[in-house]
């Protein structure tokens, strides 16, 4: 006798279950998901409220900063995966590498501030290196005009922690900031906004 195939929970099953739902039911479900977690709320804001790009970037920056405070480390709650998830979800919602780069600069800044407070903590060192590597890749996807303000902020962060840390972190950060500052110098200057009156 053939075994009956066991049903499994999946997105396809959920999609079939919702196929005949009226619009108010779908909206109510999304509202329940919105209320369920900060991650869901932030994702929906970022995906749906595209007119609030600056707000959504700042919200993601605040989220990573909260996940890497000295209190989080001292209470053994620091997890690289938690910070990575915030960045991943922001990128999944927007596909915006400039926003990702901005969030990563805030992440590196907050991580080094915490490292200054807590002393040697290898998981935080590994996290900083991973964030710097991802920041470099994100900047490579940007045109010079978009990258320039982020590179300027990166330079300020590098200056703030210049020569402070072992593990090579200060040197690596200064090297990254210098490389990108040099790239900006070699790039074409920003395009001046066009003055329509000049055409008359």
C-alpha atoms as a PDB file:
ATOM      1  CA  UNK A   1       0.000   0.000   0.000  1.00  0.00           C
ATOM      2  CA  UNK A   2       1.451   3.356  -1.047  1.00  0.00           C
ATOM      3  CA  UNK A   3       2.197   5.799   1.705  1.00  0.00           C
ATOM      4  CA  UNK A   4       0.144   8.948   1.608  1.00  0.00           C
ATOM      5  CA  UNK A   5       2.371  11.960   0.985  1.00  0.00           C
ATOM      6  CA  UNK A   6       2.716  14.046   4.118  1.00  0.00           C
ATOM      7  CA  UNK A   7       1.703  17.667   3.739  1.00  0.00           C
ATOM      8  CA  UNK A   8       4.310  20.202   4.741  1.00  0.00           C
ATOM      9  CA  UNK A   9       4.042  23.868   5.624  1.00  0.00           C
ATOM     10  CA  UNK A  10       5.530  26.040   2.879  1.00  0.00           C
ATOM     11  CA  UNK A  11       5.066  29.364   1.143  1.00  0.00           C
ATOM     12  CA  UNK A  12       3.188  27.583  -1.664  1.00  0.00           C
ATOM     13  CA  UNK A  13       0.721  26.177   0.889  1.00  0.00           C
ATOM     14  CA  UNK A  14       0.266  29.617   2.451  1.00  0.00           C
ATOM     15  CA  UNK A  15      -0.285  31.152  -0.974  1.00  0.00           C
ATOM     16  CA  UNK A  16      -3.001  28.606  -1.773  1.00  0.00           C
ATOM     17  CA  UNK A  17      -4.668  29.253   1.589  1.00  0.00           C
ATOM     18  CA  UNK A  18      -4.817  32.990   0.885  1.00  0.00           C
ATOM     19  CA  UNK A  19      -5.913  32.718  -2.740  1.00  0.00           C
ATOM     20  CA  UNK A  20      -9.541  33.616  -2.020  1.00  0.00           C
ATOM     21  CA  UNK A  21      -8.992  36.006   0.872  1.00  0.00           C
ATOM     22  CA  UNK A  22     -10.623  39.418   0.445  1.00  0.00           C
ATOM     23  CA  UNK A  23      -8.332  42.438   0.490  1.00  0.00           C
ATOM     24  CA  UNK A  24      -9.251  43.454   4.089  1.00  0.00           C
ATOM     25  CA  UNK A  25      -8.184  40.016   5.290  1.00  0.00           C
ATOM     26  CA  UNK A  26      -4.788  40.337   3.586  1.00  0.00           C
ATOM     27  CA  UNK A  27      -4.305  43.821   5.048  1.00  0.00           C
ATOM     28  CA  UNK A  28      -5.237  42.509   8.517  1.00  0.00           C
ATOM     29  CA  UNK A  29      -2.689  39.691   8.154  1.00  0.00           C
ATOM     30  CA  UNK A  30       0.052  42.149   7.152  1.00  0.00           C
ATOM     31  CA  UNK A  31      -0.881  44.316  10.165  1.00  0.00           C
ATOM     32  CA  UNK A  32      -0.481  41.302  12.463  1.00  0.00           C
ATOM     33  CA  UNK A  33       2.946  40.618  10.958  1.00  0.00           C
ATOM     34  CA  UNK A  34       3.819  44.327  11.338  1.00  0.00           C
ATOM     35  CA  UNK A  35       2.991  44.162  15.053  1.00  0.00           C
ATOM     36  CA  UNK A  36       4.819  40.874  15.560  1.00  0.00           C
ATOM     37  CA  UNK A  37       8.414  42.167  15.532  1.00  0.00           C
ATOM     38  CA  UNK A  38      10.663  45.163  14.994  1.00  0.00           C
ATOM     39  CA  UNK A  39      12.267  43.337  12.063  1.00  0.00           C
ATOM     40  CA  UNK A  40       8.904  43.007  10.311  1.00  0.00           C
ATOM     41  CA  UNK A  41       7.986  46.614  11.029  1.00  0.00           C
ATOM     42  CA  UNK A  42      11.308  47.894   9.687  1.00  0.00           C
ATOM     43  CA  UNK A  43      11.071  45.682   6.583  1.00  0.00           C
ATOM     44  CA  UNK A  44       7.551  46.868   5.739  1.00  0.00           C
ATOM     45  CA  UNK A  45       8.463  50.508   6.272  1.00  0.00           C
ATOM     46  CA  UNK A  46      11.455  50.123   3.993  1.00  0.00           C
ATOM     47  CA  UNK A  47       9.635  48.166   1.284  1.00  0.00           C
ATOM     48  CA  UNK A  48       6.394  50.168   1.242  1.00  0.00           C
ATOM     49  CA  UNK A  49       7.350  53.706   2.261  1.00  0.00           C
ATOM     50  CA  UNK A  50       9.846  54.418  -0.490  1.00  0.00           C
ATOM     51  CA  UNK A  51       9.238  58.160  -0.108  1.00  0.00           C
ATOM     52  CA  UNK A  52      10.888  57.912   3.333  1.00  0.00           C
ATOM     53  CA  UNK A  53      14.296  56.657   2.196  1.00  0.00           C
ATOM     54  CA  UNK A  54      16.289  58.832   4.626  1.00  0.00           C
ATOM     55  CA  UNK A  55      14.057  57.834   7.550  1.00  0.00           C
ATOM     56  CA  UNK A  56      14.404  54.142   6.700  1.00  0.00           C
ATOM     57  CA  UNK A  57      18.195  54.372   6.486  1.00  0.00           C
ATOM     58  CA  UNK A  58      18.322  56.136   9.861  1.00  0.00           C
ATOM     59  CA  UNK A  59      15.999  53.516  11.342  1.00  0.00           C
ATOM     60  CA  UNK A  60      18.331  50.728  10.189  1.00  0.00           C
ATOM     61  CA  UNK A  61      21.344  52.667  11.513  1.00  0.00           C
ATOM     62  CA  UNK A  62      19.667  53.003  14.919  1.00  0.00           C
ATOM     63  CA  UNK A  63      18.845  49.292  14.890  1.00  0.00           C
ATOM     64  CA  UNK A  64      22.466  48.207  14.388  1.00  0.00           C
ATOM     65  CA  UNK A  65      23.681  50.705  16.983  1.00  0.00           C
ATOM     66  CA  UNK A  66      21.329  49.191  19.587  1.00  0.00           C
ATOM     67  CA  UNK A  67      22.670  45.705  18.864  1.00  0.00           C
ATOM     68  CA  UNK A  68      26.304  46.557  19.560  1.00  0.00           C
ATOM     69  CA  UNK A  69      26.307  48.574  22.806  1.00  0.00           C
ATOM     70  CA  UNK A  70      28.633  47.768  25.724  1.00  0.00           C
ATOM     71  CA  UNK A  71      25.595  46.547  27.677  1.00  0.00           C
ATOM     72  CA  UNK A  72      24.776  44.035  24.945  1.00  0.00           C
ATOM     73  CA  UNK A  73      28.349  42.705  25.039  1.00  0.00           C
ATOM     74  CA  UNK A  74      28.564  42.568  28.853  1.00  0.00           C
ATOM     75  CA  UNK A  75      25.256  40.687  28.992  1.00  0.00           C
ATOM     76  CA  UNK A  76      26.551  38.152  26.439  1.00  0.00           C
ATOM     77  CA  UNK A  77      23.888  39.099  23.891  1.00  0.00           C
ATOM     78  CA  UNK A  78      26.173  40.288  21.091  1.00  0.00           C
ATOM     79  CA  UNK A  79      25.686  38.290  17.876  1.00  0.00           C
ATOM     80  CA  UNK A  80      27.190  39.143  14.502  1.00  0.00           C
ATOM     81  CA  UNK A  81      24.196  37.393  12.920  1.00  0.00           C
ATOM     82  CA  UNK A  82      21.787  39.882  14.527  1.00  0.00           C
ATOM     83  CA  UNK A  83      23.510  42.877  12.950  1.00  0.00           C
ATOM     84  CA  UNK A  84      23.949  41.090   9.634  1.00  0.00           C
ATOM     85  CA  UNK A  85      20.218  40.354   9.605  1.00  0.00           C
ATOM     86  CA  UNK A  86      19.345  44.067   9.888  1.00  0.00           C
ATOM     87  CA  UNK A  87      21.599  44.891   6.922  1.00  0.00           C
ATOM     88  CA  UNK A  88      20.381  41.900   4.887  1.00  0.00           C
ATOM     89  CA  UNK A  89      16.733  42.781   5.457  1.00  0.00           C
ATOM     90  CA  UNK A  90      17.319  46.419   4.551  1.00  0.00           C
ATOM     91  CA  UNK A  91      18.977  45.358   1.291  1.00  0.00           C
ATOM     92  CA  UNK A  92      16.273  42.771   0.552  1.00  0.00           C
ATOM     93  CA  UNK A  93      13.600  45.445   1.009  1.00  0.00           C
ATOM     94  CA  UNK A  94      15.314  48.111  -1.099  1.00  0.00           C
ATOM     95  CA  UNK A  95      18.173  46.737  -3.201  1.00  0.00           C
ATOM     96  CA  UNK A  96      19.890  50.024  -2.304  1.00  0.00           C
ATOM     97  CA  UNK A  97      23.693  49.604  -1.889  1.00  0.00           C
ATOM     98  CA  UNK A  98      24.084  53.262  -0.833  1.00  0.00           C
ATOM     99  CA  UNK A  99      21.738  52.681   2.088  1.00  0.00           C
ATOM    100  CA  UNK A 100      23.596  49.489   2.970  1.00  0.00           C
ATOM    101  CA  UNK A 101      26.920  51.364   2.933  1.00  0.00           C
ATOM    102  CA  UNK A 102      25.511  54.080   5.192  1.00  0.00           C
ATOM    103  CA  UNK A 103      24.199  51.500   7.661  1.00  0.00           C
ATOM    104  CA  UNK A 104      27.568  49.700   7.656  1.00  0.00           C
ATOM    105  CA  UNK A 105      29.463  52.916   8.441  1.00  0.00           C
ATOM    106  CA  UNK A 106      27.170  53.401  11.461  1.00  0.00           C
ATOM    107  CA  UNK A 107      27.759  49.754  12.397  1.00  0.00           C
ATOM    108  CA  UNK A 108      31.561  50.099  12.272  1.00  0.00           C
ATOM    109  CA  UNK A 109      31.425  53.349  14.254  1.00  0.00           C
ATOM    110  CA  UNK A 110      29.205  51.860  16.989  1.00  0.00           C
ATOM    111  CA  UNK A 111      31.232  48.630  17.091  1.00  0.00           C
ATOM    112  CA  UNK A 112      34.509  50.490  17.608  1.00  0.00           C
ATOM    113  CA  UNK A 113      32.948  52.731  20.247  1.00  0.00           C
ATOM    114  CA  UNK A 114      31.887  49.580  22.122  1.00  0.00           C
ATOM    115  CA  UNK A 115      35.268  47.918  21.595  1.00  0.00           C
ATOM    116  CA  UNK A 116      36.878  50.973  23.193  1.00  0.00           C
ATOM    117  CA  UNK A 117      34.656  50.435  26.248  1.00  0.00           C
ATOM    118  CA  UNK A 118      34.830  46.655  26.654  1.00  0.00           C
ATOM    119  CA  UNK A 119      38.416  45.905  25.643  1.00  0.00           C
ATOM    120  CA  UNK A 120      39.536  42.814  23.760  1.00  0.00           C
ATOM    121  CA  UNK A 121      36.541  40.848  22.536  1.00  0.00           C
ATOM    122  CA  UNK A 122      37.306  38.658  19.559  1.00  0.00           C
ATOM    123  CA  UNK A 123      33.719  38.236  18.249  1.00  0.00           C
ATOM    124  CA  UNK A 124      33.484  42.013  17.953  1.00  0.00           C
ATOM    125  CA  UNK A 125      36.802  42.156  16.103  1.00  0.00           C
ATOM    126  CA  UNK A 126      35.581  39.541  13.627  1.00  0.00           C
ATOM    127  CA  UNK A 127      32.356  41.478  13.206  1.00  0.00           C
ATOM    128  CA  UNK A 128      34.179  44.752  12.446  1.00  0.00           C
ATOM    129  CA  UNK A 129      36.308  43.069   9.781  1.00  0.00           C
ATOM    130  CA  UNK A 130      33.219  41.488   8.178  1.00  0.00           C
ATOM    131  CA  UNK A 131      31.402  44.835   8.170  1.00  0.00           C
ATOM    132  CA  UNK A 132      34.375  46.639   6.624  1.00  0.00           C
ATOM    133  CA  UNK A 133      34.627  44.004   3.879  1.00  0.00           C
ATOM    134  CA  UNK A 134      30.928  44.357   3.085  1.00  0.00           C
ATOM    135  CA  UNK A 135      31.187  48.152   3.184  1.00  0.00           C
ATOM    136  CA  UNK A 136      33.989  48.027   0.606  1.00  0.00           C
ATOM    137  CA  UNK A 137      31.853  45.844  -1.692  1.00  0.00           C
ATOM    138  CA  UNK A 138      28.847  48.125  -1.275  1.00  0.00           C
ATOM    139  CA  UNK A 139      30.869  51.235  -2.119  1.00  0.00           C
ATOM    140  CA  UNK A 140      32.140  49.533  -5.266  1.00  0.00           C
ATOM    141  CA  UNK A 141      28.557  49.431  -6.558  1.00  0.00           C
ATOM    142  CA  UNK A 142      28.078  53.197  -6.274  1.00  0.00           C
ATOM    143  CA  UNK A 143      28.825  56.021  -8.648  1.00  0.00           C
ATOM    144  CA  UNK A 144      31.265  58.624  -7.222  1.00  0.00           C
ATOM    145  CA  UNK A 145      28.593  61.226  -6.565  1.00  0.00           C
ATOM    146  CA  UNK A 146      26.531  58.812  -4.475  1.00  0.00           C
ATOM    147  CA  UNK A 147      29.578  57.366  -2.698  1.00  0.00           C
ATOM    148  CA  UNK A 148      31.195  60.697  -1.804  1.00  0.00           C
ATOM    149  CA  UNK A 149      29.184  61.608   1.359  1.00  0.00           C
ATOM    150  CA  UNK A 150      29.455  58.051   2.666  1.00  0.00           C
ATOM    151  CA  UNK A 151      33.230  58.063   2.092  1.00  0.00           C
ATOM    152  CA  UNK A 152      33.459  61.391   3.925  1.00  0.00           C
ATOM    153  CA  UNK A 153      31.634  59.893   6.917  1.00  0.00           C
ATOM    154  CA  UNK A 154      33.906  56.840   6.773  1.00  0.00           C
ATOM    155  CA  UNK A 155      36.935  59.166   6.897  1.00  0.00           C
ATOM    156  CA  UNK A 156      35.585  60.839  10.047  1.00  0.00           C
ATOM    157  CA  UNK A 157      35.070  57.454  11.711  1.00  0.00           C
ATOM    158  CA  UNK A 158      38.613  56.374  10.773  1.00  0.00           C
ATOM    159  CA  UNK A 159      40.050  59.618  12.210  1.00  0.00           C
ATOM    160  CA  UNK A 160      38.061  59.150  15.416  1.00  0.00           C
ATOM    161  CA  UNK A 161      39.661  55.778  16.125  1.00  0.00           C
ATOM    162  CA  UNK A 162      43.059  56.370  14.512  1.00  0.00           C
ATOM    163  CA  UNK A 163      45.817  54.395  16.251  1.00  0.00           C
ATOM    164  CA  UNK A 164      43.543  53.274  19.109  1.00  0.00           C
ATOM    165  CA  UNK A 165      43.270  49.540  18.655  1.00  0.00           C
ATOM    166  CA  UNK A 166      45.353  46.438  18.292  1.00  0.00           C
ATOM    167  CA  UNK A 167      44.254  43.523  16.137  1.00  0.00           C
ATOM    168  CA  UNK A 168      45.136  45.756  13.163  1.00  0.00           C
ATOM    169  CA  UNK A 169      41.645  47.275  13.258  1.00  0.00           C
ATOM    170  CA  UNK A 170      42.724  50.928  13.262  1.00  0.00           C
ATOM    171  CA  UNK A 171      45.173  50.324  10.422  1.00  0.00           C
ATOM    172  CA  UNK A 172      42.616  48.398   8.357  1.00  0.00           C
ATOM    173  CA  UNK A 173      39.989  51.084   8.869  1.00  0.00           C
ATOM    174  CA  UNK A 174      42.416  53.884   7.982  1.00  0.00           C
ATOM    175  CA  UNK A 175      43.521  51.921   4.922  1.00  0.00           C
ATOM    176  CA  UNK A 176      39.912  51.491   3.781  1.00  0.00           C
ATOM    177  CA  UNK A 177      39.107  55.173   4.338  1.00  0.00           C
ATOM    178  CA  UNK A 178      42.285  56.306   2.563  1.00  0.00           C
ATOM    179  CA  UNK A 179      41.676  54.028  -0.426  1.00  0.00           C
ATOM    180  CA  UNK A 180      38.168  55.406  -0.882  1.00  0.00           C
ATOM    181  CA  UNK A 181      39.221  59.022  -0.305  1.00  0.00           C
ATOM    182  CA  UNK A 182      41.821  58.556  -3.064  1.00  0.00           C
ATOM    183  CA  UNK A 183      39.179  57.063  -5.350  1.00  0.00           C
ATOM    184  CA  UNK A 184      36.966  60.099  -4.778  1.00  0.00           C
ATOM    185  CA  UNK A 185      39.852  62.461  -5.616  1.00  0.00           C
ATOM    186  CA  UNK A 186      40.474  60.580  -8.860  1.00  0.00           C
ATOM    187  CA  UNK A 187      36.786  60.541  -9.790  1.00  0.00           C
ATOM    188  CA  UNK A 188      35.195  63.255 -11.932  1.00  0.00           C
ATOM    189  CA  UNK A 189      33.955  66.213  -9.839  1.00  0.00           C
ATOM    190  CA  UNK A 190      30.256  66.320  -8.916  1.00  0.00           C
ATOM    191  CA  UNK A 191      27.973  67.571 -11.664  1.00  0.00           C
ATOM    192  CA  UNK A 192      26.679  71.065 -10.912  1.00  0.00           C
ATOM    193  CA  UNK A 193      22.882  71.326 -10.869  1.00  0.00           C
ATOM    194  CA  UNK A 194      21.575  72.713 -14.130  1.00  0.00           C
ATOM    195  CA  UNK A 195      20.180  76.236 -14.073  1.00  0.00           C
ATOM    196  CA  UNK A 196      17.141  76.346 -16.392  1.00  0.00           C
ATOM    197  CA  UNK A 197      17.369  80.147 -16.605  1.00  0.00           C
ATOM    198  CA  UNK A 198      20.739  79.822 -18.341  1.00  0.00           C
ATOM    199  CA  UNK A 199      18.917  78.470 -21.406  1.00  0.00           C
ATOM    200  CA  UNK A 200      17.088  81.776 -21.945  1.00  0.00           C
END
